[in-house]
Protein backbone atom coordinates (compact mmCIF):
# COMPACT_ATOMS: atom_id res chain seq x y z
CA MET A 1 217.92 251.12 113.04
CA ARG A 2 216.04 249.43 115.86
CA LYS A 3 218.03 246.44 118.35
CA LYS A 4 216.75 243.12 118.34
CA LYS A 5 215.79 241.80 121.12
CA ILE A 6 215.65 237.81 122.07
CA ARG A 7 212.91 237.07 124.77
CA GLY A 8 214.18 235.56 128.22
CA LEU A 9 211.87 233.18 130.17
CA LEU A 10 212.04 233.07 133.87
CA VAL A 11 212.16 229.96 134.83
CA ARG A 12 212.58 228.24 138.33
CA TRP A 13 215.48 226.12 138.80
CA PRO A 14 216.46 223.30 138.05
CA TYR A 15 213.52 223.41 135.83
CA VAL A 16 215.61 225.73 133.35
CA GLU A 17 218.04 222.97 132.78
CA MET A 18 215.93 220.69 131.99
CA ILE A 19 214.39 223.05 129.29
CA ALA A 20 218.09 223.75 128.48
CA SER A 21 219.06 220.44 128.08
CA GLY A 22 215.89 218.54 126.53
CA THR A 23 214.59 216.69 129.54
CA LYS A 24 211.58 218.76 129.85
CA LYS A 25 209.47 219.32 127.01
CA TRP A 26 206.78 220.88 128.89
CA GLU A 27 206.58 223.74 130.57
CA LEU A 28 203.47 224.67 132.15
CA ARG A 29 201.77 227.96 133.48
CA LYS A 30 198.63 229.56 134.53
CA SER A 31 198.78 231.67 131.68
CA ASN A 32 198.70 231.37 127.92
CA THR A 33 201.20 233.13 125.13
CA ARG A 34 200.98 233.78 122.52
CA ILE A 35 204.69 234.35 121.55
CA ARG A 36 206.69 231.53 119.44
CA GLY A 37 210.59 231.31 118.78
CA PRO A 38 213.66 231.18 120.26
CA VAL A 39 213.29 232.33 123.66
CA ALA A 40 216.61 232.56 126.16
CA LEU A 41 215.89 230.63 129.58
CA VAL A 42 216.83 232.58 132.23
CA SER A 43 216.88 231.80 136.43
CA ARG A 44 218.35 233.40 138.80
CA GLY A 45 220.54 236.34 136.81
CA TYR A 46 221.84 233.48 134.38
CA LEU A 47 221.15 232.87 131.15
CA TYR A 48 221.34 228.90 131.14
CA GLY A 49 219.99 227.54 127.05
CA PHE A 50 217.83 228.41 124.36
CA ALA A 51 214.08 227.41 123.35
CA GLU A 52 211.98 227.28 121.01
CA LEU A 53 208.72 227.72 122.18
CA SER A 54 206.24 226.03 119.48
CA ASP A 55 203.04 225.74 121.05
CA SER A 56 200.99 226.50 123.91
CA PHE A 57 197.77 225.25 124.91
CA ARG A 58 195.26 224.44 128.05
CA MET A 59 195.25 220.94 129.99
CA SER A 60 192.97 219.80 132.80
CA VAL A 61 195.80 219.50 135.69
CA ALA A 62 193.64 215.57 136.57
CA LYS A 63 195.14 215.19 132.38
CA LEU A 64 198.97 216.38 133.30
CA LYS A 65 199.66 213.73 135.49
CA GLY A 66 199.54 211.79 132.86
CA PHE A 67 202.26 213.33 130.94
CA GLU A 68 204.77 213.64 133.92
CA LYS A 69 207.61 212.92 131.29
CA LEU A 70 207.26 216.03 129.24
CA HIS A 71 206.53 218.63 132.40
CA ARG A 72 209.05 217.15 134.88
CA ALA A 73 206.52 218.94 137.70
CA GLY A 74 206.34 215.87 140.06
CA ASP A 75 204.53 216.57 143.73
CA PHE A 76 205.24 220.21 142.41
CA LEU A 77 202.13 220.09 140.11
CA GLU A 78 199.61 219.51 142.87
CA ASP A 79 200.92 223.23 144.96
CA TYR A 80 201.68 224.93 141.88
CA ALA A 81 197.71 224.23 140.72
CA ARG A 82 196.09 225.32 143.63
CA GLY A 83 193.12 226.59 142.87
CA HIS A 84 193.17 226.12 139.14
CA ASP A 85 191.43 222.83 137.09
CA THR A 86 193.13 223.73 134.23
CA LEU A 87 197.34 225.46 132.53
CA TYR A 88 198.90 226.16 130.29
CA VAL A 89 201.34 223.84 128.46
CA TRP A 90 204.32 225.53 126.61
CA VAL A 91 205.60 223.66 124.32
CA PHE A 92 209.56 223.91 123.90
CA LYS A 93 211.99 222.47 120.52
CA ARG A 94 215.72 222.00 119.74
CA PRO A 95 216.86 223.07 123.14
CA ILE A 96 220.66 224.32 123.15
CA LYS A 97 222.26 223.83 126.63
CA LEU A 98 225.44 226.33 127.16
CA PRO A 99 228.39 224.25 128.58
CA GLU A 100 228.24 227.20 132.22
CA PRO A 101 225.65 229.21 132.70
CA VAL A 102 226.46 233.05 131.91
CA LYS A 103 225.95 236.02 134.10
CA ILE A 104 223.45 238.33 132.74
CA SER A 105 221.84 241.57 133.98
CA TYR A 106 217.93 242.20 133.66
CA PRO A 107 215.69 244.76 135.64
CA LYS A 108 215.07 243.73 138.57
CA GLY A 109 211.09 243.22 139.71
CA SER A 110 210.74 240.86 136.71
CA GLN A 111 207.94 238.27 136.59
CA MET A 112 208.21 236.22 133.80
CA TRP A 113 209.35 237.05 130.64
CA ILE A 114 212.49 239.60 130.17
CA ALA A 115 214.04 241.55 126.78
CA LEU A 116 217.69 240.95 125.91
CA ASP A 117 219.99 242.62 124.21
CA GLU A 118 220.06 239.72 120.77
CA GLU A 119 223.69 241.53 119.75
CA LYS A 120 225.20 241.05 123.13
CA ILE A 121 224.22 237.81 123.83
CA LEU A 122 225.58 236.71 120.66
CA ASN A 123 228.28 238.88 121.53
CA VAL A 124 228.68 236.70 125.45
CA LEU A 125 228.49 233.34 123.45
CA GLU A 126 231.48 234.35 120.60
CA SER A 127 233.04 235.61 123.57
CA ARG A 128 232.37 232.04 125.55
CA GLY A 129 233.47 229.86 123.09
CA TYR A 130 230.40 228.78 123.06
CA ILE A 131 230.45 228.01 118.59
CA ARG A 132 228.06 224.99 118.35
CA GLU A 133 225.68 227.08 120.39
CA LEU A 134 226.26 229.34 119.19
CA LYS A 135 225.39 228.63 115.85
CA LYS A 136 222.13 226.53 116.17
CA LEU A 137 220.84 229.91 117.79
CA ARG A 138 222.00 231.81 114.67
CA LYS A 139 219.85 228.82 113.01
CA ALA A 140 216.43 229.47 115.29
CA LEU A 141 217.14 233.03 114.78
CA ASP A 142 216.92 233.01 111.64
CA ARG A 143 213.72 230.82 111.41
CA ARG A 144 211.45 233.12 112.94
CA LYS A 145 209.41 234.68 111.73
CA ASP A 146 209.87 238.97 112.82
């Protein structure tokens, strides 16, 4: 039987905490993604939580300035977009923030996506006593299309 994986998205801190807490609903990227479903939110070797990636679409940088409350990029938007007229909006919903970040390991040099062992992640959450978060994650995993 093949081990199930949870996709982990590498996100800069403090944005990773904002997505996990639900205060940042849009993640801005230079590329599109077809990935949908639950995503582990990772930064600096720590797992901060999970959220469901529900959509991805393109938007002009000029128009994005009017949606700061959703992407929270602020002044960083111009620097990040450097040379791009448009960026991709990755829409997150149903955030699950962990009470405390969990140290995890993944291959060095990973740039955007990492594959995490689902069973290990579920066991770590259970061992930490993150029962409420574990229940929410199991629900999200049950909703995904395998």
